[in-house]
């Protein structure tokens, strides 16, 4: 399952995703993962959330990101939720490519794993292939 948190910079998306991670720690029966570019969230989330920096792993672009997540899921069937802060910083601002990647991840994860993304953009600027995951 894919979920998007959208809005312009400064609208509180990162705060929302941090709160979601810290709440999920209390109730999950599996593993949680945080993915971001850089180390902004590392000290703000529970130590029980596995943290990954895409810069460290040289993940750039939506195809590389998809491969990174697919590999992570293939190696650990206990991942229940993945939280991604700033997907456009990782993949770029090609909204069609973002929509294609979200579609592929949705098929990969099914109902077993939820991936939550923050997207720094207005809903009106994105195609339906992206906006259908908002909610």
C-alpha atoms as a PDB file:
ATOM      1  CA  UNK A   1       0.000   0.000   0.000  1.00  0.00           C
ATOM      2  CA  UNK A   2       1.271   3.443  -0.929  1.00  0.00           C
ATOM      3  CA  UNK A   3       0.351   6.654   0.890  1.00  0.00           C
ATOM      4  CA  UNK A   4       1.444  10.199   0.099  1.00  0.00           C
ATOM      5  CA  UNK A   5       1.702  13.241   2.326  1.00  0.00           C
ATOM      6  CA  UNK A   6       1.838  16.266   0.022  1.00  0.00           C
ATOM      7  CA  UNK A   7       2.255  20.000   0.362  1.00  0.00           C
ATOM      8  CA  UNK A   8       4.680  22.812  -0.267  1.00  0.00           C
ATOM      9  CA  UNK A   9       7.874  23.165   1.741  1.00  0.00           C
ATOM     10  CA  UNK A  10       7.165  24.245   5.306  1.00  0.00           C
ATOM     11  CA  UNK A  11       3.674  22.742   5.590  1.00  0.00           C
ATOM     12  CA  UNK A  12       4.589  20.162   8.273  1.00  0.00           C
ATOM     13  CA  UNK A  13       5.001  16.996   6.195  1.00  0.00           C
ATOM     14  CA  UNK A  14       8.214  15.947   7.932  1.00  0.00           C
ATOM     15  CA  UNK A  15       6.690  16.469  11.375  1.00  0.00           C
ATOM     16  CA  UNK A  16       3.736  14.291  10.353  1.00  0.00           C
ATOM     17  CA  UNK A  17       5.958  11.470   9.121  1.00  0.00           C
ATOM     18  CA  UNK A  18       8.158  11.626  12.247  1.00  0.00           C
ATOM     19  CA  UNK A  19       5.065  11.332  14.437  1.00  0.00           C
ATOM     20  CA  UNK A  20       3.788   8.437  12.302  1.00  0.00           C
ATOM     21  CA  UNK A  21       7.072   6.551  12.726  1.00  0.00           C
ATOM     22  CA  UNK A  22       7.256   7.069  16.452  1.00  0.00           C
ATOM     23  CA  UNK A  23       3.620   5.967  16.848  1.00  0.00           C
ATOM     24  CA  UNK A  24       4.135   2.911  14.632  1.00  0.00           C
ATOM     25  CA  UNK A  25       6.956   1.730  16.916  1.00  0.00           C
ATOM     26  CA  UNK A  26       4.393   1.307  19.690  1.00  0.00           C
ATOM     27  CA  UNK A  27       2.037  -0.915  17.709  1.00  0.00           C
ATOM     28  CA  UNK A  28       3.860  -2.755  14.941  1.00  0.00           C
ATOM     29  CA  UNK A  29       4.546  -6.459  14.943  1.00  0.00           C
ATOM     30  CA  UNK A  30       7.282  -6.105  12.322  1.00  0.00           C
ATOM     31  CA  UNK A  31      10.154  -3.903  11.270  1.00  0.00           C
ATOM     32  CA  UNK A  32       9.979  -0.228  10.372  1.00  0.00           C
ATOM     33  CA  UNK A  33      12.320   1.572   7.987  1.00  0.00           C
ATOM     34  CA  UNK A  34      13.000   5.278   7.435  1.00  0.00           C
ATOM     35  CA  UNK A  35      14.596   6.346   4.146  1.00  0.00           C
ATOM     36  CA  UNK A  36      15.804   9.864   3.483  1.00  0.00           C
ATOM     37  CA  UNK A  37      18.493  11.771   1.629  1.00  0.00           C
ATOM     38  CA  UNK A  38      20.887  13.007   4.296  1.00  0.00           C
ATOM     39  CA  UNK A  39      20.579  12.638   8.058  1.00  0.00           C
ATOM     40  CA  UNK A  40      17.845  15.091   9.030  1.00  0.00           C
ATOM     41  CA  UNK A  41      15.516  12.631  10.799  1.00  0.00           C
ATOM     42  CA  UNK A  42      18.005  10.269  12.382  1.00  0.00           C
ATOM     43  CA  UNK A  43      17.949  11.831  15.847  1.00  0.00           C
ATOM     44  CA  UNK A  44      14.207  12.537  15.817  1.00  0.00           C
ATOM     45  CA  UNK A  45      12.966   8.986  15.385  1.00  0.00           C
ATOM     46  CA  UNK A  46      12.999   5.969  17.666  1.00  0.00           C
ATOM     47  CA  UNK A  47      16.119   3.830  17.613  1.00  0.00           C
ATOM     48  CA  UNK A  48      13.795   0.930  16.777  1.00  0.00           C
ATOM     49  CA  UNK A  49      13.234   2.336  13.268  1.00  0.00           C
ATOM     50  CA  UNK A  50      15.886   1.229  10.785  1.00  0.00           C
ATOM     51  CA  UNK A  51      17.299   4.362   9.214  1.00  0.00           C
ATOM     52  CA  UNK A  52      18.792   4.550   5.700  1.00  0.00           C
ATOM     53  CA  UNK A  53      20.491   7.455   3.948  1.00  0.00           C
ATOM     54  CA  UNK A  54      20.182   7.266   0.162  1.00  0.00           C
ATOM     55  CA  UNK A  55      23.338   9.362  -0.209  1.00  0.00           C
ATOM     56  CA  UNK A  56      25.360   6.673   1.566  1.00  0.00           C
ATOM     57  CA  UNK A  57      24.015   3.984  -0.774  1.00  0.00           C
ATOM     58  CA  UNK A  58      24.307   6.242  -3.871  1.00  0.00           C
ATOM     59  CA  UNK A  59      20.588   5.929  -4.664  1.00  0.00           C
ATOM     60  CA  UNK A  60      19.636   8.563  -7.239  1.00  0.00           C
ATOM     61  CA  UNK A  61      16.560   8.484  -9.445  1.00  0.00           C
ATOM     62  CA  UNK A  62      13.287   6.624  -9.249  1.00  0.00           C
ATOM     63  CA  UNK A  63      14.556   3.414 -10.874  1.00  0.00           C
ATOM     64  CA  UNK A  64      17.431   3.183  -8.395  1.00  0.00           C
ATOM     65  CA  UNK A  65      15.038   3.886  -5.537  1.00  0.00           C
ATOM     66  CA  UNK A  66      12.677   1.148  -6.673  1.00  0.00           C
ATOM     67  CA  UNK A  67      15.579  -1.322  -6.830  1.00  0.00           C
ATOM     68  CA  UNK A  68      16.753  -0.240  -3.386  1.00  0.00           C
ATOM     69  CA  UNK A  69      13.327  -0.841  -1.819  1.00  0.00           C
ATOM     70  CA  UNK A  70      12.768  -4.104  -3.740  1.00  0.00           C
ATOM     71  CA  UNK A  71      16.110  -5.410  -2.496  1.00  0.00           C
ATOM     72  CA  UNK A  72      15.304  -4.355   1.049  1.00  0.00           C
ATOM     73  CA  UNK A  73      11.956  -6.172   0.947  1.00  0.00           C
ATOM     74  CA  UNK A  74      13.511  -9.270  -0.652  1.00  0.00           C
ATOM     75  CA  UNK A  75      16.029  -9.479   2.170  1.00  0.00           C
ATOM     76  CA  UNK A  76      13.582  -8.922   5.015  1.00  0.00           C
ATOM     77  CA  UNK A  77      10.016 -10.205   4.877  1.00  0.00           C
ATOM     78  CA  UNK A  78       9.244  -8.647   8.283  1.00  0.00           C
ATOM     79  CA  UNK A  79       9.201  -5.035   7.057  1.00  0.00           C
ATOM     80  CA  UNK A  80       5.713  -3.704   7.762  1.00  0.00           C
ATOM     81  CA  UNK A  81       6.140   0.000   7.058  1.00  0.00           C
ATOM     82  CA  UNK A  82       8.626   2.135   5.157  1.00  0.00           C
ATOM     83  CA  UNK A  83       8.654   5.900   5.620  1.00  0.00           C
ATOM     84  CA  UNK A  84      10.319   8.019   2.923  1.00  0.00           C
ATOM     85  CA  UNK A  85      10.927  11.700   3.568  1.00  0.00           C
ATOM     86  CA  UNK A  86      11.470  13.858   0.500  1.00  0.00           C
ATOM     87  CA  UNK A  87      11.087  11.443  -2.418  1.00  0.00           C
ATOM     88  CA  UNK A  88      11.568  14.279  -4.913  1.00  0.00           C
ATOM     89  CA  UNK A  89      15.020  14.957  -3.414  1.00  0.00           C
ATOM     90  CA  UNK A  90      15.901  11.340  -4.145  1.00  0.00           C
ATOM     91  CA  UNK A  91      14.212  10.807  -7.506  1.00  0.00           C
ATOM     92  CA  UNK A  92      13.840  14.242  -9.064  1.00  0.00           C
ATOM     93  CA  UNK A  93      10.832  16.294 -10.153  1.00  0.00           C
ATOM     94  CA  UNK A  94       9.644  14.113 -13.033  1.00  0.00           C
ATOM     95  CA  UNK A  95       6.102  13.486 -11.792  1.00  0.00           C
ATOM     96  CA  UNK A  96       5.325  10.930 -14.519  1.00  0.00           C
ATOM     97  CA  UNK A  97       8.375   8.902 -13.463  1.00  0.00           C
ATOM     98  CA  UNK A  98       7.253   9.225  -9.834  1.00  0.00           C
ATOM     99  CA  UNK A  99       3.805   7.921 -10.777  1.00  0.00           C
ATOM    100  CA  UNK A 100       5.341   4.954 -12.613  1.00  0.00           C
ATOM    101  CA  UNK A 101       7.535   4.092  -9.636  1.00  0.00           C
ATOM    102  CA  UNK A 102       4.604   4.362  -7.198  1.00  0.00           C
ATOM    103  CA  UNK A 103       2.594   2.012  -9.400  1.00  0.00           C
ATOM    104  CA  UNK A 104       5.426  -0.555  -9.423  1.00  0.00           C
ATOM    105  CA  UNK A 105       5.905  -0.282  -5.658  1.00  0.00           C
ATOM    106  CA  UNK A 106       2.176  -0.661  -5.105  1.00  0.00           C
ATOM    107  CA  UNK A 107       2.202  -3.932  -7.055  1.00  0.00           C
ATOM    108  CA  UNK A 108       5.312  -5.088  -5.172  1.00  0.00           C
ATOM    109  CA  UNK A 109       4.061  -4.364  -1.663  1.00  0.00           C
ATOM    110  CA  UNK A 110       0.391  -5.274  -1.985  1.00  0.00           C
ATOM    111  CA  UNK A 111      -1.287  -5.104   1.412  1.00  0.00           C
ATOM    112  CA  UNK A 112       1.636  -6.599   3.363  1.00  0.00           C
ATOM    113  CA  UNK A 113       3.799  -3.478   3.524  1.00  0.00           C
ATOM    114  CA  UNK A 114       2.860   0.194   3.643  1.00  0.00           C
ATOM    115  CA  UNK A 115       5.142   2.842   2.178  1.00  0.00           C
ATOM    116  CA  UNK A 116       4.501   6.438   3.205  1.00  0.00           C
ATOM    117  CA  UNK A 117       6.139   9.239   1.190  1.00  0.00           C
ATOM    118  CA  UNK A 118       6.385  12.968   1.721  1.00  0.00           C
ATOM    119  CA  UNK A 119       6.134  14.886  -1.551  1.00  0.00           C
ATOM    120  CA  UNK A 120       6.971  18.599  -1.566  1.00  0.00           C
ATOM    121  CA  UNK A 121       4.546  19.714  -4.251  1.00  0.00           C
ATOM    122  CA  UNK A 122       0.983  20.876  -4.660  1.00  0.00           C
ATOM    123  CA  UNK A 123      -1.532  18.205  -5.536  1.00  0.00           C
ATOM    124  CA  UNK A 124      -2.691  20.315  -8.499  1.00  0.00           C
ATOM    125  CA  UNK A 125       0.799  20.120 -10.071  1.00  0.00           C
ATOM    126  CA  UNK A 126       0.890  16.318 -10.104  1.00  0.00           C
ATOM    127  CA  UNK A 127      -0.679  13.873 -12.576  1.00  0.00           C
ATOM    128  CA  UNK A 128      -3.442  11.444 -11.631  1.00  0.00           C
ATOM    129  CA  UNK A 129      -0.871   8.615 -11.602  1.00  0.00           C
ATOM    130  CA  UNK A 130       0.553  10.258  -8.459  1.00  0.00           C
ATOM    131  CA  UNK A 131      -2.513  11.879  -6.864  1.00  0.00           C
ATOM    132  CA  UNK A 132      -4.423   8.596  -6.701  1.00  0.00           C
ATOM    133  CA  UNK A 133      -2.106   7.605  -3.846  1.00  0.00           C
ATOM    134  CA  UNK A 134      -2.893  10.688  -1.710  1.00  0.00           C
ATOM    135  CA  UNK A 135      -4.984   9.975   1.309  1.00  0.00           C
END
